[in-house]
C-alpha atoms as a PDB file:
ATOM      1  CA  MET A   1     116.279 115.567  67.321  1.00  0.00           C
ATOM      2  CA  ASN A   2     118.164 117.852  65.353  1.00  0.00           C
ATOM      3  CA  VAL A   3     117.255 119.292  61.644  1.00  0.00           C
ATOM      4  CA  LEU A   4     120.066 120.412  59.542  1.00  0.00           C
ATOM      5  CA  VAL A   5     118.526 123.186  57.068  1.00  0.00           C
ATOM      6  CA  PRO A   6     121.382 124.062  54.502  1.00  0.00           C
ATOM      7  CA  GLY A   7     121.963 127.548  54.168  1.00  0.00           C
ATOM      8  CA  PHE A   8     120.628 129.261  56.764  1.00  0.00           C
ATOM      9  CA  SER A   9     123.657 130.338  59.226  1.00  0.00           C
ATOM     10  CA  ASN A  10     121.096 130.869  62.439  1.00  0.00           C
ATOM     11  CA  GLY A  11     119.826 127.891  64.385  1.00  0.00           C
ATOM     12  CA  LEU A  12     116.257 127.890  65.237  1.00  0.00           C
ATOM     13  CA  ARG A  13     115.093 126.272  68.225  1.00  0.00           C
ATOM     14  CA  HIS A  14     111.437 125.388  69.351  1.00  0.00           C
ATOM     15  CA  ALA A  15     110.170 124.314  72.604  1.00  0.00           C
ATOM     16  CA  VAL A  16     106.608 122.840  72.838  1.00  0.00           C
ATOM     17  CA  ALA A  17     104.296 122.131  75.931  1.00  0.00           C
ATOM     18  CA  GLY A  18     101.971 119.478  75.247  1.00  0.00           C
ATOM     19  CA  PRO A  19     100.615 119.396  71.869  1.00  0.00           C
ATOM     20  CA  LEU A  20     101.574 123.101  71.136  1.00  0.00           C
ATOM     21  CA  LEU A  21     104.321 125.239  69.852  1.00  0.00           C
ATOM     22  CA  VAL A  22     104.397 127.800  72.120  1.00  0.00           C
ATOM     23  CA  ALA A  23     107.706 129.516  71.309  1.00  0.00           C
ATOM     24  CA  LEU A  24     110.555 130.381  68.581  1.00  0.00           C
ATOM     25  CA  LEU A  25     113.694 131.685  69.049  1.00  0.00           C
ATOM     26  CA  LEU A  26     116.394 132.559  67.089  1.00  0.00           C
ATOM     27  CA  VAL A  27     119.864 131.609  68.209  1.00  0.00           C
ATOM     28  CA  ALA A  28     122.897 133.075  66.185  1.00  0.00           C
ATOM     29  CA  LEU A  29     125.264 130.002  65.655  1.00  0.00           C
ATOM     30  CA  PRO A  30     128.639 130.050  63.551  1.00  0.00           C
ATOM     31  CA  GLY A  31     128.374 127.886  61.164  1.00  0.00           C
ATOM     32  CA  PRO A  32     126.280 127.542  57.241  1.00  0.00           C
ATOM     33  CA  ALA A  33     123.263 125.540  58.531  1.00  0.00           C
ATOM     34  CA  CYS A  34     120.261 125.474  60.567  1.00  0.00           C
ATOM     35  CA  VAL A  35     119.616 123.339  63.725  1.00  0.00           C
ATOM     36  CA  LEU A  36     116.350 122.788  64.821  1.00  0.00           C
ATOM     37  CA  ASP A  37     116.299 120.898  67.989  1.00  0.00           C
ATOM     38  CA  TRP A  38     113.382 119.253  69.243  1.00  0.00           C
ATOM     39  CA  ASP A  39     113.167 116.341  71.835  1.00  0.00           C
ATOM     40  CA  GLY A  40     110.606 113.973  70.397  1.00  0.00           C
ATOM     41  CA  GLY A  41     108.088 113.883  73.177  1.00  0.00           C
ATOM     42  CA  SER A  42     105.564 115.967  72.222  1.00  0.00           C
ATOM     43  CA  SER A  43     103.572 115.251  69.725  1.00  0.00           C
ATOM     44  CA  LEU A  44     102.804 117.848  66.524  1.00  0.00           C
ATOM     45  CA  CYS A  45      99.156 118.284  66.503  1.00  0.00           C
ATOM     46  CA  GLY A  46      98.054 120.571  63.602  1.00  0.00           C
ATOM     47  CA  ASN A  47     100.941 119.109  61.113  1.00  0.00           C
ATOM     48  CA  GLY A  48      98.544 117.053  59.056  1.00  0.00           C
ATOM     49  CA  VAL A  49     100.255 113.813  60.059  1.00  0.00           C
ATOM     50  CA  ILE A  50      98.837 111.280  62.347  1.00  0.00           C
ATOM     51  CA  ASP A  51     101.841 111.010  65.091  1.00  0.00           C
ATOM     52  CA  SER A  52     102.090 109.135  68.317  1.00  0.00           C
ATOM     53  CA  GLY A  53      99.133 110.137  70.987  1.00  0.00           C
ATOM     54  CA  GLU A  54      96.992 111.390  68.193  1.00  0.00           C
ATOM     55  CA  GLU A  55      93.562 110.071  66.706  1.00  0.00           C
ATOM     56  CA  CYS A  56      93.182 112.650  63.808  1.00  0.00           C
ATOM     57  CA  ASP A  57      95.479 115.586  62.558  1.00  0.00           C
ATOM     58  CA  ASP A  58      93.508 117.900  59.986  1.00  0.00           C
ATOM     59  CA  GLY A  59      96.847 120.200  59.478  1.00  0.00           C
ATOM     60  CA  GLN A  60      95.313 123.005  61.280  1.00  0.00           C
ATOM     61  CA  ALA A  61      96.589 124.164  65.002  1.00  0.00           C
ATOM     62  CA  GLY A  62      92.791 124.868  65.572  1.00  0.00           C
ATOM     63  CA  ALA A  63      89.895 122.751  66.022  1.00  0.00           C
ATOM     64  CA  LYS A  64      87.695 122.293  63.436  1.00  0.00           C
ATOM     65  CA  GLU A  65      84.637 119.995  63.319  1.00  0.00           C
ATOM     66  CA  GLY A  66      85.388 116.347  63.891  1.00  0.00           C
ATOM     67  CA  CYS A  67      89.077 116.769  65.006  1.00  0.00           C
ATOM     68  CA  SER A  68      90.009 119.086  68.379  1.00  0.00           C
ATOM     69  CA  ALA A  69      92.551 121.235  68.878  1.00  0.00           C
ATOM     70  CA  SER A  70      94.510 118.411  70.394  1.00  0.00           C
ATOM     71  CA  CYS A  71      94.142 116.232  67.867  1.00  0.00           C
ATOM     72  CA  LYS A  72      91.145 113.816  69.388  1.00  0.00           C
ATOM     73  CA  ILE A  73      88.443 112.756  67.068  1.00  0.00           C
ATOM     74  CA  ASP A  74      85.152 114.751  68.288  1.00  0.00           C
ATOM     75  CA  HIS A  75      81.843 112.799  69.459  1.00  0.00           C
ATOM     76  CA  GLY A  76      80.130 111.652  66.549  1.00  0.00           C
ATOM     77  CA  TYR A  77      82.686 111.580  63.789  1.00  0.00           C
ATOM     78  CA  HIS A  78      84.961 109.814  62.064  1.00  0.00           C
ATOM     79  CA  CYS A  79      87.993 110.326  60.604  1.00  0.00           C
ATOM     80  CA  VAL A  80      90.132 109.225  58.407  1.00  0.00           C
ATOM     81  CA  ASN A  81      93.627 110.133  55.944  1.00  0.00           C
ATOM     82  CA  GLU A  82      96.621 112.356  56.696  1.00  0.00           C
ATOM     83  CA  PRO A  83      95.642 115.289  56.788  1.00  0.00           C
ATOM     84  CA  SER A  84      92.236 114.003  58.722  1.00  0.00           C
ATOM     85  CA  VAL A  85      88.925 114.315  57.084  1.00  0.00           C
ATOM     86  CA  CYS A  86      86.370 114.178  59.118  1.00  0.00           C
ATOM     87  CA  THR A  87      82.614 113.309  58.582  1.00  0.00           C
ATOM     88  CA  THR A  88      79.442 112.686  61.018  1.00  0.00           C
ATOM     89  CA  THR A  89      76.882 110.164  59.581  1.00  0.00           C
ATOM     90  CA  CYS A  90      73.423 110.896  60.025  1.00  0.00           C
ATOM     91  CA  GLY A  91      72.110 107.727  60.906  1.00  0.00           C
ATOM     92  CA  ASP A  92      74.807 106.214  62.868  1.00  0.00           C
ATOM     93  CA  GLY A  93      73.284 106.839  66.014  1.00  0.00           C
ATOM     94  CA  ILE A  94      75.636 109.396  67.885  1.00  0.00           C
ATOM     95  CA  ILE A  95      74.722 113.067  67.822  1.00  0.00           C
ATOM     96  CA  ALA A  96      77.330 115.123  66.248  1.00  0.00           C
ATOM     97  CA  PRO A  97      77.060 118.540  68.095  1.00  0.00           C
ATOM     98  CA  GLY A  98      76.409 121.277  66.257  1.00  0.00           C
ATOM     99  CA  VAL A  99      75.487 119.499  62.978  1.00  0.00           C
ATOM    100  CA  GLU A 100      72.831 116.743  64.454  1.00  0.00           C
ATOM    101  CA  GLU A 101      69.982 117.524  66.429  1.00  0.00           C
ATOM    102  CA  CYS A 102      68.996 113.657  66.993  1.00  0.00           C
ATOM    103  CA  ASP A 103      69.783 110.443  65.102  1.00  0.00           C
ATOM    104  CA  GLN A 104      67.639 107.369  65.767  1.00  0.00           C
ATOM    105  CA  GLU A 105      70.166 104.948  64.511  1.00  0.00           C
ATOM    106  CA  GLN A 106      68.258 104.267  61.239  1.00  0.00           C
ATOM    107  CA  SER A 107      69.920 103.168  57.697  1.00  0.00           C
ATOM    108  CA  PRO A 108      68.821 104.951  55.444  1.00  0.00           C
ATOM    109  CA  PRO A 109      67.453 107.520  58.275  1.00  0.00           C
ATOM    110  CA  THR A 110      63.613 108.694  57.683  1.00  0.00           C
ATOM    111  CA  SER A 111      61.523 111.281  58.263  1.00  0.00           C
ATOM    112  CA  TYR A 112      58.137 112.023  60.142  1.00  0.00           C
ATOM    113  CA  ASP A 113      58.896 110.057  63.085  1.00  0.00           C
ATOM    114  CA  GLY A 114      60.402 112.953  65.118  1.00  0.00           C
ATOM    115  CA  CYS A 115      64.077 113.237  63.584  1.00  0.00           C
ATOM    116  CA  SER A 116      64.423 113.713  60.435  1.00  0.00           C
ATOM    117  CA  ALA A 117      66.039 112.199  57.348  1.00  0.00           C
ATOM    118  CA  ASP A 118      68.785 115.011  57.854  1.00  0.00           C
ATOM    119  CA  CYS A 119      69.086 114.425  61.608  1.00  0.00           C
ATOM    120  CA  ARG A 120      67.198 117.654  62.643  1.00  0.00           C
ATOM    121  CA  GLU A 121      63.827 117.806  65.489  1.00  0.00           C
ATOM    122  CA  GLU A 122      61.021 117.793  63.078  1.00  0.00           C
ATOM    123  CA  PRO A 123      58.199 120.109  64.180  1.00  0.00           C
ATOM    124  CA  ASN A 124      56.261 119.222  67.544  1.00  0.00           C
ATOM    125  CA  TRP A 125      58.463 116.599  68.505  1.00  0.00           C
ATOM    126  CA  THR A 126      61.066 116.079  71.635  1.00  0.00           C
ATOM    127  CA  CYS A 127      63.840 114.285  70.784  1.00  0.00           C
ATOM    128  CA  SER A 128      66.719 112.846  73.293  1.00  0.00           C
ATOM    129  CA  GLY A 129      69.564 110.407  73.846  1.00  0.00           C
ATOM    130  CA  GLU A 130      71.674 108.707  71.310  1.00  0.00           C
ATOM    131  CA  PRO A 131      70.401 106.618  69.968  1.00  0.00           C
ATOM    132  CA  SER A 132      67.562 109.546  70.026  1.00  0.00           C
ATOM    133  CA  THR A 133      64.125 108.242  71.023  1.00  0.00           C
ATOM    134  CA  CYS A 134      61.201 110.966  69.221  1.00  0.00           C
ATOM    135  CA  VAL A 135      57.863 111.829  71.338  1.00  0.00           C
ATOM    136  CA  PRO A 136      55.278 113.631  70.030  1.00  0.00           C
ATOM    137  CA  GLY A 137      55.289 117.353  71.861  1.00  0.00           C
ATOM    138  CA  LEU A 138      52.555 119.485  72.810  1.00  0.00           C
END
């Protein structure tokens, strides 16, 4: 695919490896246009548009909670829109690492049963699994 940008006298060529842009190379070309060459075979993860092969795209090249650096939805998250907005839901039975410590699949989530209403393990309880099972600790 070639994209012409009027007003530029240099061609802009880029190479992609997987979903990441890895090199930019300016190539002097005669004429009044800039040519962007892309083979179309690699996704453009990080451009804020969900391209072929992507589950989400939050518009950032690096990982952000919910949408990975390879534009896959992280475990325990739900993503919508372009650019993607990713959230986790306490009470869905899926633990989002770094955000939830437990999740008992309750709607609405409750406290005083080992896993709090904000999906944190309560004092003197031990929780495991998805959905979480909590038992009193020693």
